[in-house]
Amino acid sequence: MATTHGYDVHTGPVTGAVPAQVVPAPVVEPSAVERRAARRPVDYAWAVARIGLGWVFLWAFVDKVFGWGFATPAERAWINGASPTTGFLKGTGENALGGVFSALAGQGWVDWLFMLGLLGVGTALLLGAGLRVAAVAGGLMMVLMWAAALPLETNPFIDDHLIYAIVLTGLALTGAGTTWGIGTWWATTPLVRRHPILR
């Protein structure tokens, strides 16, 4: 009786035969040279967008902490006891949702959440690690700031806050941290392997 992997070529399956074992192919990580060769021009464009947007967030944090005179004068610096959220939130009083947002102005927990958000999102974008969390946190911040400004003065419904939120989403979805960032290494760490949301 001629059999092939538990199957008789004349009569069909052979009862009691041991099925052939399927051995998965080993996972081979591409080398750094192979990864660089596989990159496309769009990968570099996303990397530039990531680094640029990261600097926007991180600079906002630094300027609000120290009041270096670009957007925040020294007397309104966080380090000098001023609230980093008061100026923006108090200015929303006449807007559609102004009552909600102006009531939050100057509260300690709001200041800390806002500043930690700026620092965390900016650092994640510059390093190219944790882009999924950065996209959620940064996107939420941007949508809230957009809502606080309603109705918009220069456009019916789109402003730079929503554009930033869209770009943050694109950065996370395209894995932009692997080009000019530590995203590839970050994804191989035990912590991120256990919790892929941290990529």
Protein backbone atom coordinates (compact mmCIF):
# COMPACT_ATOMS: atom_id res chain seq x y z
CA MET A 1 0.00 0.00 0.00
CA ALA A 2 1.53 3.30 -1.11
CA THR A 3 0.86 6.12 1.32
CA THR A 4 1.84 9.77 1.32
CA HIS A 5 1.54 11.65 4.63
CA GLY A 6 -1.23 9.36 5.91
CA TYR A 7 -3.05 9.18 2.56
CA ASP A 8 -3.29 5.99 0.49
CA VAL A 9 -3.04 6.98 -3.16
CA HIS A 10 -5.54 4.23 -4.07
CA THR A 11 -8.10 4.18 -1.24
CA GLY A 12 -7.87 7.60 0.48
CA PRO A 13 -6.96 8.55 4.07
CA VAL A 14 -5.21 5.93 6.19
CA THR A 15 -6.80 5.64 9.64
CA GLY A 16 -4.43 5.93 12.54
CA ALA A 17 -1.75 7.65 10.48
CA VAL A 18 0.19 10.46 12.11
CA PRO A 19 -0.38 13.73 10.22
CA ALA A 20 2.65 15.54 8.95
CA GLN A 21 3.91 18.27 11.27
CA VAL A 22 3.89 21.81 9.94
CA VAL A 23 6.99 23.64 11.14
CA PRO A 24 6.70 27.45 10.92
CA ALA A 25 9.52 29.23 9.21
CA PRO A 26 11.80 31.09 11.61
CA VAL A 27 11.24 34.82 11.92
CA VAL A 28 14.28 36.63 10.59
CA GLU A 29 14.59 40.28 11.50
CA PRO A 30 15.90 42.40 8.62
CA SER A 31 19.32 43.91 9.13
CA ALA A 32 19.85 47.64 9.49
CA VAL A 33 21.19 47.79 5.94
CA GLU A 34 18.12 45.97 4.59
CA ARG A 35 15.79 48.29 6.50
CA ARG A 36 17.53 51.37 5.10
CA ALA A 37 17.38 49.95 1.58
CA ALA A 38 13.64 49.26 1.93
CA ARG A 39 12.79 52.84 2.90
CA ARG A 40 10.94 55.03 0.43
CA PRO A 41 11.00 58.81 0.03
CA VAL A 42 7.63 59.01 1.81
CA ASP A 43 9.23 57.44 4.90
CA TYR A 44 11.65 60.35 5.11
CA ALA A 45 8.82 62.83 4.60
CA TRP A 46 6.94 61.31 7.55
CA ALA A 47 10.14 61.37 9.62
CA VAL A 48 10.60 65.09 8.94
CA ALA A 49 6.93 65.71 9.85
CA ARG A 50 7.40 63.70 13.06
CA ILE A 51 10.50 65.59 14.15
CA GLY A 52 9.03 68.96 13.22
CA LEU A 53 5.79 68.35 15.08
CA GLY A 54 7.72 66.95 18.04
CA TRP A 55 9.66 70.19 18.23
CA VAL A 56 6.40 72.19 18.17
CA PHE A 57 5.13 70.29 21.23
CA LEU A 58 8.44 70.28 23.09
CA TRP A 59 9.14 73.95 22.42
CA ALA A 60 5.67 74.89 23.70
CA PHE A 61 6.52 73.03 26.92
CA VAL A 62 9.91 74.72 27.36
CA ASP A 63 8.63 78.20 26.53
CA LYS A 64 5.73 77.89 28.97
CA VAL A 65 8.01 76.60 31.74
CA PHE A 66 10.71 79.26 31.43
CA GLY A 67 8.96 82.15 29.65
CA TRP A 68 11.65 82.77 27.09
CA GLY A 69 9.61 85.48 25.43
CA PHE A 70 8.45 83.79 22.24
CA ALA A 71 4.85 82.96 23.13
CA THR A 72 5.24 83.32 26.89
CA PRO A 73 6.77 86.37 28.59
CA ALA A 74 8.95 85.74 31.65
CA GLU A 75 6.33 86.99 34.10
CA ARG A 76 3.86 84.36 32.84
CA ALA A 77 6.33 81.45 33.05
CA TRP A 78 5.24 78.34 34.93
CA ILE A 79 8.49 78.37 36.89
CA ASN A 80 7.55 81.85 38.17
CA GLY A 81 4.20 80.64 39.50
CA ALA A 82 1.96 81.52 36.55
CA SER A 83 -0.56 79.07 35.11
CA PRO A 84 0.30 77.80 31.60
CA THR A 85 -3.38 77.25 30.75
CA THR A 86 -4.96 80.43 32.04
CA GLY A 87 -4.19 82.67 29.07
CA PHE A 88 -5.68 80.35 26.48
CA LEU A 89 -8.64 79.08 28.50
CA LYS A 90 -9.69 82.47 29.87
CA GLY A 91 -9.74 83.76 26.30
CA THR A 92 -12.41 81.22 25.36
CA GLY A 93 -15.07 82.71 27.63
CA GLU A 94 -17.12 84.16 24.77
CA ASN A 95 -16.89 81.02 22.60
CA ALA A 96 -19.53 78.34 22.17
CA LEU A 97 -18.07 76.11 24.89
CA GLY A 98 -16.37 78.92 26.76
CA GLY A 99 -18.21 78.29 30.01
CA VAL A 100 -16.81 74.77 30.21
CA PHE A 101 -13.21 75.63 29.32
CA SER A 102 -12.84 78.94 31.14
CA ALA A 103 -13.89 77.19 34.37
CA LEU A 104 -10.82 74.96 34.01
CA ALA A 105 -8.37 77.83 33.66
CA GLY A 106 -5.66 77.96 36.31
CA GLN A 107 -6.57 74.70 38.05
CA GLY A 108 -3.46 72.83 39.13
CA TRP A 109 -4.45 69.43 37.78
CA VAL A 110 -5.28 70.97 34.38
CA ASP A 111 -1.89 72.71 34.25
CA TRP A 112 -0.04 69.50 35.11
CA LEU A 113 -1.97 67.37 32.60
CA PHE A 114 -1.43 69.94 29.86
CA MET A 115 2.30 70.35 30.51
CA LEU A 116 2.94 66.62 30.89
CA GLY A 117 1.06 66.13 27.62
CA LEU A 118 3.26 68.65 25.82
CA LEU A 119 6.43 67.10 27.25
CA GLY A 120 5.42 63.49 26.66
CA VAL A 121 4.09 63.93 23.13
CA GLY A 122 7.03 66.10 22.10
CA THR A 123 9.60 63.65 23.48
CA ALA A 124 7.89 60.62 21.92
CA LEU A 125 7.75 62.28 18.51
CA LEU A 126 11.38 63.41 18.58
CA LEU A 127 12.59 59.95 19.64
CA GLY A 128 10.21 58.01 17.37
CA ALA A 129 9.00 55.77 20.20
CA GLY A 130 5.54 55.41 21.69
CA LEU A 131 3.86 57.04 18.71
CA ARG A 132 0.54 55.28 19.27
CA VAL A 133 0.17 56.69 22.77
CA ALA A 134 1.48 60.07 21.58
CA ALA A 135 -1.10 60.14 18.78
CA VAL A 136 -3.97 59.46 21.19
CA ALA A 137 -2.78 61.92 23.85
CA GLY A 138 -1.71 64.63 21.43
CA GLY A 139 -4.78 64.19 19.27
CA LEU A 140 -7.05 64.54 22.30
CA MET A 141 -5.23 67.71 23.35
CA MET A 142 -5.60 69.18 19.87
CA VAL A 143 -9.29 68.30 19.57
CA LEU A 144 -10.00 69.89 22.98
CA MET A 145 -8.15 73.06 21.98
CA TRP A 146 -10.10 73.11 18.71
CA ALA A 147 -13.38 72.72 20.63
CA ALA A 148 -12.41 75.54 22.99
CA ALA A 149 -11.94 77.89 20.02
CA LEU A 150 -15.37 77.23 18.43
CA PRO A 151 -16.76 78.95 16.47
CA LEU A 152 -13.61 79.44 14.40
CA GLU A 153 -12.87 82.87 13.02
CA THR A 154 -10.96 82.00 9.84
CA ASN A 155 -12.59 78.75 8.69
CA PRO A 156 -16.00 77.10 9.13
CA PHE A 157 -14.66 73.98 10.85
CA ILE A 158 -10.95 73.21 10.19
CA ASP A 159 -7.98 74.80 11.93
CA ASP A 160 -4.37 73.91 12.70
CA HIS A 161 -5.35 71.90 15.79
CA LEU A 162 -7.32 69.39 13.72
CA ILE A 163 -4.54 69.22 11.13
CA TYR A 164 -2.05 68.39 13.89
CA ALA A 165 -4.40 65.66 15.16
CA ILE A 166 -4.63 64.17 11.65
CA VAL A 167 -0.85 64.25 11.22
CA LEU A 168 -0.36 62.57 14.60
CA THR A 169 -2.67 59.77 13.47
CA GLY A 170 -0.73 59.37 10.24
CA LEU A 171 2.59 59.23 12.10
CA ALA A 172 1.33 56.41 14.33
CA LEU A 173 -0.26 54.42 11.49
CA THR A 174 2.80 54.59 9.24
CA GLY A 175 5.32 53.67 11.92
CA ALA A 176 7.19 56.91 11.34
CA GLY A 177 9.50 56.30 14.28
CA THR A 178 11.55 53.70 12.39
CA THR A 179 13.16 56.33 10.14
CA TRP A 180 15.55 58.68 11.95
CA GLY A 181 14.20 57.43 15.24
CA ILE A 182 14.46 54.59 17.75
CA GLY A 183 11.15 53.02 16.73
CA THR A 184 12.68 49.78 15.41
CA TRP A 185 14.67 49.15 18.59
CA TRP A 186 11.75 50.27 20.78
CA ALA A 187 9.44 47.69 19.15
CA THR A 188 11.82 44.86 20.10
CA THR A 189 11.94 45.66 23.82
CA PRO A 190 10.20 43.15 26.12
CA LEU A 191 7.81 45.82 27.40
CA VAL A 192 6.56 46.74 23.93
CA ARG A 193 6.42 43.08 22.84
CA ARG A 194 4.04 42.45 25.76
CA HIS A 195 2.07 45.68 25.17
CA PRO A 196 2.10 46.55 21.44
CA ILE A 197 -0.01 49.67 22.11
CA LEU A 198 3.23 51.26 23.36
CA ARG A 199 4.87 51.10 19.93
